PDB file of N, CA and C in Angstrom:
ATOM      1  N   UNK A   1      33.639  95.982 -23.825  1.00  0.00           N
ATOM      2  CA  UNK A   1      33.928  97.135 -24.498  1.00  0.00           C
ATOM      3  C   UNK A   1      35.369  97.477 -24.636  1.00  0.00           C
ATOM      4  N   UNK A   2      36.100  97.179 -23.613  1.00  0.00           N
ATOM      5  CA  UNK A   2      37.498  97.481 -23.764  1.00  0.00           C
ATOM      6  C   UNK A   2      38.201  96.574 -24.650  1.00  0.00           C
ATOM      7  N   UNK A   3      37.830  95.212 -24.725  1.00  0.00           N
ATOM      8  CA  UNK A   3      38.319  94.368 -25.735  1.00  0.00           C
ATOM      9  C   UNK A   3      38.182  94.863 -27.146  1.00  0.00           C
ATOM     10  N   UNK A   4      36.918  95.398 -27.447  1.00  0.00           N
ATOM     11  CA  UNK A   4      36.682  95.919 -28.816  1.00  0.00           C
ATOM     12  C   UNK A   4      37.498  97.139 -29.035  1.00  0.00           C
ATOM     13  N   UNK A   5      37.666  97.946 -28.157  1.00  0.00           N
ATOM     14  CA  UNK A   5      38.576  99.157 -28.346  1.00  0.00           C
ATOM     15  C   UNK A   5      40.018  98.764 -28.743  1.00  0.00           C
ATOM     16  N   UNK A   6      40.457  97.806 -28.004  1.00  0.00           N
ATOM     17  CA  UNK A   6      41.890  97.264 -28.258  1.00  0.00           C
ATOM     18  C   UNK A   6      41.993  96.734 -29.663  1.00  0.00           C
ATOM     19  N   UNK A   7      40.864  95.954 -30.128  1.00  0.00           N
ATOM     20  CA  UNK A   7      40.942  95.444 -31.411  1.00  0.00           C
ATOM     21  C   UNK A   7      40.907  96.564 -32.516  1.00  0.00           C
ATOM     22  N   UNK A   8      40.136  97.573 -32.278  1.00  0.00           N
ATOM     23  CA  UNK A   8      40.182  98.733 -33.238  1.00  0.00           C
ATOM     24  C   UNK A   8      41.576  99.431 -33.265  1.00  0.00           C
ATOM     25  N   UNK A   9      42.043  99.613 -32.121  1.00  0.00           N
ATOM     26  CA  UNK A   9      43.553 100.196 -32.069  1.00  0.00           C
ATOM     27  C   UNK A   9      44.479  99.319 -32.839  1.00  0.00           C
ATOM     28  N   UNK A  10      44.306  97.903 -32.790  1.00  0.00           N
ATOM     29  CA  UNK A  10      45.201  97.033 -33.571  1.00  0.00           C
ATOM     30  C   UNK A  10      44.989  97.243 -35.092  1.00  0.00           C
ATOM     31  N   UNK A  11      43.728  97.366 -35.386  1.00  0.00           N
ATOM     32  CA  UNK A  11      43.413  97.662 -36.809  1.00  0.00           C
ATOM     33  C   UNK A  11      44.071  98.910 -37.339  1.00  0.00           C
ATOM     34  N   UNK A  12      43.894  99.950 -36.569  1.00  0.00           N
ATOM     35  CA  UNK A  12      44.453 101.314 -36.901  1.00  0.00           C
ATOM     36  C   UNK A  12      46.048 101.052 -37.138  1.00  0.00           C
ATOM     37  N   UNK A  13      46.799 100.369 -36.227  1.00  0.00           N
ATOM     38  CA  UNK A  13      48.052 100.171 -36.256  1.00  0.00           C
ATOM     39  C   UNK A  13      48.458  99.470 -37.617  1.00  0.00           C
ATOM     40  N   UNK A  14      47.732  98.452 -38.003  1.00  0.00           N
ATOM     41  CA  UNK A  14      47.906  97.730 -39.226  1.00  0.00           C
ATOM     42  C   UNK A  14      47.685  98.625 -40.456  1.00  0.00           C
ATOM     43  N   UNK A  15      46.734  99.634 -40.384  1.00  0.00           N
ATOM     44  CA  UNK A  15      46.472 100.545 -41.466  1.00  0.00           C
ATOM     45  C   UNK A  15      47.695 101.363 -41.588  1.00  0.00           C
ATOM     46  N   UNK A  16      48.291 101.905 -40.521  1.00  0.00           N
ATOM     47  CA  UNK A  16      49.452 102.730 -40.541  1.00  0.00           C
ATOM     48  C   UNK A  16      50.635 101.993 -41.273  1.00  0.00           C
ATOM     49  N   UNK A  17      50.758 100.601 -40.888  1.00  0.00           N
ATOM     50  CA  UNK A  17      51.834  99.873 -41.580  1.00  0.00           C
ATOM     51  C   UNK A  17      51.632  99.706 -43.074  1.00  0.00           C
ATOM     52  N   UNK A  18      50.362  99.642 -43.442  1.00  0.00           N
ATOM     53  CA  UNK A  18      50.010  99.421 -44.823  1.00  0.00           C
ATOM     54  C   UNK A  18      50.326 100.788 -45.570  1.00  0.00           C
ATOM     55  N   UNK A  19      50.142 101.944 -44.983  1.00  0.00           N
ATOM     56  CA  UNK A  19      50.484 103.141 -45.460  1.00  0.00           C
ATOM     57  C   UNK A  19      52.008 103.389 -45.763  1.00  0.00           C
ATOM     58  N   UNK A  20      52.728 102.872 -44.752  1.00  0.00           N
ATOM     59  CA  UNK A  20      54.204 102.883 -44.886  1.00  0.00           C
ATOM     60  C   UNK A  20      54.524 102.058 -46.053  1.00  0.00           C
ATOM     61  N   UNK A  21      53.942 100.798 -46.142  1.00  0.00           N
ATOM     62  CA  UNK A  21      54.326  99.883 -47.290  1.00  0.00           C
ATOM     63  C   UNK A  21      54.054 100.587 -48.569  1.00  0.00           C
ATOM     64  N   UNK A  22      52.878 101.294 -48.642  1.00  0.00           N
ATOM     65  CA  UNK A  22      52.544 102.037 -49.869  1.00  0.00           C
ATOM     66  C   UNK A  22      53.643 103.050 -50.258  1.00  0.00           C
ATOM     67  N   UNK A  23      54.153 103.795 -49.306  1.00  0.00           N
ATOM     68  CA  UNK A  23      55.215 104.778 -49.596  1.00  0.00           C
ATOM     69  C   UNK A  23      56.496 103.988 -49.990  1.00  0.00           C
ATOM     70  N   UNK A  24      56.764 102.830 -49.479  1.00  0.00           N
ATOM     71  CA  UNK A  24      57.964 102.154 -49.870  1.00  0.00           C
ATOM     72  C   UNK A  24      57.777 101.643 -51.212  1.00  0.00           C
ATOM     73  N   UNK A  25      56.468 101.309 -51.621  1.00  0.00           N
ATOM     74  CA  UNK A  25      56.258 100.807 -52.977  1.00  0.00           C
ATOM     75  C   UNK A  25      56.604 101.917 -54.055  1.00  0.00           C
ATOM     76  N   UNK A  26      56.172 103.243 -53.640  1.00  0.00           N
ATOM     77  CA  UNK A  26      56.507 104.332 -54.621  1.00  0.00           C
ATOM     78  C   UNK A  26      58.062 104.540 -54.701  1.00  0.00           C
ATOM     79  N   UNK A  27      58.801 104.413 -53.609  1.00  0.00           N
ATOM     80  CA  UNK A  27      60.095 104.470 -53.497  1.00  0.00           C
ATOM     81  C   UNK A  27      60.789 103.412 -54.395  1.00  0.00           C
ATOM     82  N   UNK A  28      60.173 102.243 -54.300  1.00  0.00           N
ATOM     83  CA  UNK A  28      60.561 101.092 -55.136  1.00  0.00           C
ATOM     84  C   UNK A  28      60.557 101.424 -56.651  1.00  0.00           C
ATOM     85  N   UNK A  29      59.450 102.008 -57.028  1.00  0.00           N
ATOM     86  CA  UNK A  29      59.290 102.311 -58.421  1.00  0.00           C
ATOM     87  C   UNK A  29      60.382 103.312 -58.771  1.00  0.00           C
ATOM     88  N   UNK A  30      60.583 104.323 -58.034  1.00  0.00           N
ATOM     89  CA  UNK A  30      61.622 105.281 -58.313  1.00  0.00           C
ATOM     90  C   UNK A  30      63.089 104.661 -58.412  1.00  0.00           C
ATOM     91  N   UNK A  31      63.183 103.621 -57.638  1.00  0.00           N
ATOM     92  CA  UNK A  31      64.444 102.917 -57.517  1.00  0.00           C
ATOM     93  C   UNK A  31      64.598 102.096 -58.871  1.00  0.00           C
ATOM     94  N   UNK A  32      63.584 101.506 -59.387  1.00  0.00           N
ATOM     95  CA  UNK A  32      63.558 100.742 -60.635  1.00  0.00           C
ATOM     96  C   UNK A  32      63.929 101.728 -61.760  1.00  0.00           C
ATOM     97  N   UNK A  33      63.322 102.894 -61.826  1.00  0.00           N
ATOM     98  CA  UNK A  33      63.795 103.885 -62.814  1.00  0.00           C
ATOM     99  C   UNK A  33      65.068 104.169 -62.777  1.00  0.00           C
ATOM    100  N   UNK A  34      65.638 104.272 -61.490  1.00  0.00           N
ATOM    101  CA  UNK A  34      67.022 104.483 -61.297  1.00  0.00           C
ATOM    102  C   UNK A  34      67.266 105.989 -61.220  1.00  0.00           C
ATOM    103  N   UNK A  35      66.415 106.861 -60.956  1.00  0.00           N
ATOM    104  CA  UNK A  35      66.677 108.304 -60.985  1.00  0.00           C
ATOM    105  C   UNK A  35      67.554 108.667 -59.743  1.00  0.00           C
ATOM    106  N   UNK A  36      67.282 108.279 -58.675  1.00  0.00           N
ATOM    107  CA  UNK A  36      67.978 108.621 -57.329  1.00  0.00           C
ATOM    108  C   UNK A  36      68.631 107.302 -56.811  1.00  0.00           C
ATOM    109  N   UNK A  37      69.946 107.317 -56.715  1.00  0.00           N
ATOM    110  CA  UNK A  37      70.677 106.227 -56.295  1.00  0.00           C
ATOM    111  C   UNK A  37      70.364 105.910 -54.814  1.00  0.00           C
ATOM    112  N   UNK A  38      70.246 106.972 -53.947  1.00  0.00           N
ATOM    113  CA  UNK A  38      70.034 106.677 -52.571  1.00  0.00           C
ATOM    114  C   UNK A  38      68.692 106.094 -52.310  1.00  0.00           C
ATOM    115  N   UNK A  39      67.715 106.472 -53.087  1.00  0.00           N
ATOM    116  CA  UNK A  39      66.468 105.884 -52.970  1.00  0.00           C
ATOM    117  C   UNK A  39      66.357 104.406 -53.191  1.00  0.00           C
ATOM    118  N   UNK A  40      67.221 103.906 -53.981  1.00  0.00           N
ATOM    119  CA  UNK A  40      67.318 102.533 -54.338  1.00  0.00           C
ATOM    120  C   UNK A  40      67.650 101.684 -53.039  1.00  0.00           C
ATOM    121  N   UNK A  41      68.413 102.253 -52.104  1.00  0.00           N
ATOM    122  CA  UNK A  41      68.846 101.474 -51.017  1.00  0.00           C
ATOM    123  C   UNK A  41      67.605 101.338 -50.069  1.00  0.00           C
ATOM    124  N   UNK A  42      66.625 102.153 -50.069  1.00  0.00           N
ATOM    125  CA  UNK A  42      65.403 102.058 -49.228  1.00  0.00           C
ATOM    126  C   UNK A  42      64.691 100.836 -49.668  1.00  0.00           C
ATOM    127  N   UNK A  43      64.358  99.938 -48.750  1.00  0.00           N
ATOM    128  CA  UNK A  43      63.465  98.813 -49.014  1.00  0.00           C
ATOM    129  C   UNK A  43      63.982  97.728 -49.876  1.00  0.00           C
ATOM    130  N   UNK A  44      63.397  96.499 -49.766  1.00  0.00           N
ATOM    131  CA  UNK A  44      63.771  95.523 -50.727  1.00  0.00           C
ATOM    132  C   UNK A  44      63.475  95.848 -52.054  1.00  0.00           C
ATOM    133  N   UNK A  45      62.343  96.372 -52.306  1.00  0.00           N
ATOM    134  CA  UNK A  45      61.956  96.788 -53.682  1.00  0.00           C
ATOM    135  C   UNK A  45      62.824  97.692 -54.375  1.00  0.00           C
ATOM    136  N   UNK A  46      63.476  98.553 -53.612  1.00  0.00           N
ATOM    137  CA  UNK A  46      64.510  99.460 -54.167  1.00  0.00           C
ATOM    138  C   UNK A  46      65.734  98.592 -54.438  1.00  0.00           C
ATOM    139  N   UNK A  47      66.022  97.646 -53.680  1.00  0.00           N
ATOM    140  CA  UNK A  47      67.375  96.836 -54.000  1.00  0.00           C
ATOM    141  C   UNK A  47      67.012  95.976 -55.263  1.00  0.00           C
ATOM    142  N   UNK A  48      65.772  95.575 -55.507  1.00  0.00           N
ATOM    143  CA  UNK A  48      65.426  94.844 -56.595  1.00  0.00           C
ATOM    144  C   UNK A  48      65.601  95.673 -57.808  1.00  0.00           C
ATOM    145  N   UNK A  49      65.208  97.027 -57.593  1.00  0.00           N
ATOM    146  CA  UNK A  49      65.235  98.049 -58.663  1.00  0.00           C
ATOM    147  C   UNK A  49      66.634  98.307 -59.042  1.00  0.00           C
ATOM    148  N   UNK A  50      67.562  98.110 -58.088  1.00  0.00           N
ATOM    149  CA  UNK A  50      68.997  98.443 -58.411  1.00  0.00           C
ATOM    150  C   UNK A  50      69.574  97.316 -59.298  1.00  0.00           C
ATOM    151  N   UNK A  51      69.073  96.252 -59.084  1.00  0.00           N
ATOM    152  CA  UNK A  51      69.581  94.924 -59.841  1.00  0.00           C
ATOM    153  C   UNK A  51      68.954  94.826 -61.256  1.00  0.00           C
ATOM    154  N   UNK A  52      67.873  95.644 -61.506  1.00  0.00           N
ATOM    155  CA  UNK A  52      67.144  95.587 -62.730  1.00  0.00           C
ATOM    156  C   UNK A  52      67.034  97.103 -63.350  1.00  0.00           C
ATOM    157  N   UNK A  53      68.249  97.642 -63.617  1.00  0.00           N
ATOM    158  CA  UNK A  53      68.205  98.935 -64.187  1.00  0.00           C
ATOM    159  C   UNK A  53      67.754  99.036 -65.579  1.00  0.00           C
ATOM    160  N   UNK A  54      67.953  98.021 -66.491  1.00  0.00           N
ATOM    161  CA  UNK A  54      67.548  98.054 -67.819  1.00  0.00           C
ATOM    162  C   UNK A  54      66.035  98.405 -67.959  1.00  0.00           C
ATOM    163  N   UNK A  55      65.659  99.223 -68.831  1.00  0.00           N
ATOM    164  CA  UNK A  55      64.339  99.650 -69.044  1.00  0.00           C
ATOM    165  C   UNK A  55      63.344  98.377 -69.396  1.00  0.00           C
ATOM    166  N   UNK A  56      63.079  97.540 -68.601  1.00  0.00           N
ATOM    167  CA  UNK A  56      62.133  96.455 -68.811  1.00  0.00           C
ATOM    168  C   UNK A  56      60.750  96.732 -68.336  1.00  0.00           C
ATOM    169  N   UNK A  57      59.827  97.165 -69.176  1.00  0.00           N
ATOM    170  CA  UNK A  57      58.671  97.566 -68.823  1.00  0.00           C
ATOM    171  C   UNK A  57      57.825  96.505 -68.033  1.00  0.00           C
ATOM    172  N   UNK A  58      57.826  95.195 -68.404  1.00  0.00           N
ATOM    173  CA  UNK A  58      57.218  94.186 -67.484  1.00  0.00           C
ATOM    174  C   UNK A  58      57.547  94.221 -66.104  1.00  0.00           C
ATOM    175  N   UNK A  59      58.877  94.526 -65.833  1.00  0.00           N
ATOM    176  CA  UNK A  59      59.153  94.618 -64.357  1.00  0.00           C
ATOM    177  C   UNK A  59      58.450  95.724 -63.526  1.00  0.00           C
ATOM    178  N   UNK A  60      58.093  96.813 -64.307  1.00  0.00           N
ATOM    179  CA  UNK A  60      57.440  97.834 -63.640  1.00  0.00           C
ATOM    180  C   UNK A  60      55.969  97.518 -63.164  1.00  0.00           C
ATOM    181  N   UNK A  61      55.356  96.488 -63.887  1.00  0.00           N
ATOM    182  CA  UNK A  61      53.979  96.259 -63.579  1.00  0.00           C
ATOM    183  C   UNK A  61      53.703  95.638 -62.280  1.00  0.00           C
ATOM    184  N   UNK A  62      54.469  94.661 -61.811  1.00  0.00           N
ATOM    185  CA  UNK A  62      54.144  94.116 -60.555  1.00  0.00           C
ATOM    186  C   UNK A  62      54.321  95.077 -59.368  1.00  0.00           C
ATOM    187  N   UNK A  63      55.273  96.009 -59.382  1.00  0.00           N
ATOM    188  CA  UNK A  63      55.536  96.980 -58.333  1.00  0.00           C
ATOM    189  C   UNK A  63      54.569  98.096 -58.318  1.00  0.00           C
ATOM    190  N   UNK A  64      54.117  98.534 -59.525  1.00  0.00           N
ATOM    191  CA  UNK A  64      53.090  99.583 -59.549  1.00  0.00           C
ATOM    192  C   UNK A  64      51.699  99.017 -59.171  1.00  0.00           C
ATOM    193  N   UNK A  65      51.549  97.801 -59.512  1.00  0.00           N
ATOM    194  CA  UNK A  65      50.285  97.082 -58.984  1.00  0.00           C
ATOM    195  C   UNK A  65      50.285  96.855 -57.584  1.00  0.00           C
ATOM    196  N   UNK A  66      51.458  96.523 -56.949  1.00  0.00           N
ATOM    197  CA  UNK A  66      51.487  96.321 -55.596  1.00  0.00           C
ATOM    198  C   UNK A  66      51.299  97.626 -54.890  1.00  0.00           C
ATOM    199  N   UNK A  67      51.890  98.661 -55.411  1.00  0.00           N
ATOM    200  CA  UNK A  67      51.793  99.932 -54.772  1.00  0.00           C
ATOM    201  C   UNK A  67      50.334 100.517 -54.815  1.00  0.00           C
ATOM    202  N   UNK A  68      49.759 100.382 -55.930  1.00  0.00           N
ATOM    203  CA  UNK A  68      48.272 100.866 -56.088  1.00  0.00           C
ATOM    204  C   UNK A  68      47.413  99.964 -55.202  1.00  0.00           C
ATOM    205  N   UNK A  69      47.720  98.639 -55.004  1.00  0.00           N
ATOM    206  CA  UNK A  69      46.950  97.869 -54.058  1.00  0.00           C
ATOM    207  C   UNK A  69      47.155  98.326 -52.595  1.00  0.00           C
ATOM    208  N   UNK A  70      48.331  98.622 -52.118  1.00  0.00           N
ATOM    209  CA  UNK A  70      48.539  99.033 -50.821  1.00  0.00           C
ATOM    210  C   UNK A  70      47.902 100.441 -50.664  1.00  0.00           C
ATOM    211  N   UNK A  71      47.978 101.321 -51.638  1.00  0.00           N
ATOM    212  CA  UNK A  71      47.412 102.649 -51.364  1.00  0.00           C
ATOM    213  C   UNK A  71      45.830 102.562 -51.433  1.00  0.00           C
ATOM    214  N   UNK A  72      45.327 101.733 -52.213  1.00  0.00           N
ATOM    215  CA  UNK A  72      43.828 101.437 -52.207  1.00  0.00           C
ATOM    216  C   UNK A  72      43.442 100.884 -50.846  1.00  0.00           C
ATOM    217  N   UNK A  73      44.173  99.935 -50.262  1.00  0.00           N
ATOM    218  CA  UNK A  73      43.823  99.447 -48.944  1.00  0.00           C
ATOM    219  C   UNK A  73      43.834 100.598 -47.854  1.00  0.00           C
ATOM    220  N   UNK A  74      44.902 101.336 -47.955  1.00  0.00           N
ATOM    221  CA  UNK A  74      45.048 102.467 -46.989  1.00  0.00           C
ATOM    222  C   UNK A  74      43.913 103.467 -47.113  1.00  0.00           C
ATOM    223  N   UNK A  75      43.564 103.750 -48.457  1.00  0.00           N
ATOM    224  CA  UNK A  75      42.581 104.740 -48.720  1.00  0.00           C
ATOM    225  C   UNK A  75      41.159 104.161 -48.140  1.00  0.00           C
ATOM    226  N   UNK A  76      40.919 102.850 -48.461  1.00  0.00           N
ATOM    227  CA  UNK A  76      39.668 102.332 -47.990  1.00  0.00           C
ATOM    228  C   UNK A  76      39.646 102.277 -46.431  1.00  0.00           C
ATOM    229  N   UNK A  77      40.817 101.916 -45.787  1.00  0.00           N
ATOM    230  CA  UNK A  77      40.736 101.823 -44.426  1.00  0.00           C
ATOM    231  C   UNK A  77      40.628 103.179 -43.684  1.00  0.00           C
ATOM    232  N   UNK A  78      41.140 104.285 -44.419  1.00  0.00           N
ATOM    233  CA  UNK A  78      41.018 105.597 -43.768  1.00  0.00           C
ATOM    234  C   UNK A  78      39.589 106.136 -44.025  1.00  0.00           C
TER     235      UNK A  78
END
């Protein structure tokens, strides 16, 4: 039983990490839009957003898809 409990705890920790990734994904979208300069510093996605300030709609698709996938995983897990 103790081993099973430890495995459940590890799964919960992974879910928490996924939720953090989801938040970073939202920050990344804000970085691409370029509304807040400080937000762009947060995360690799934000740095990519800084290098692509031009309003290129195709660049928004992968980040929003990744964010929705991460939030979906966290919602399903919770």
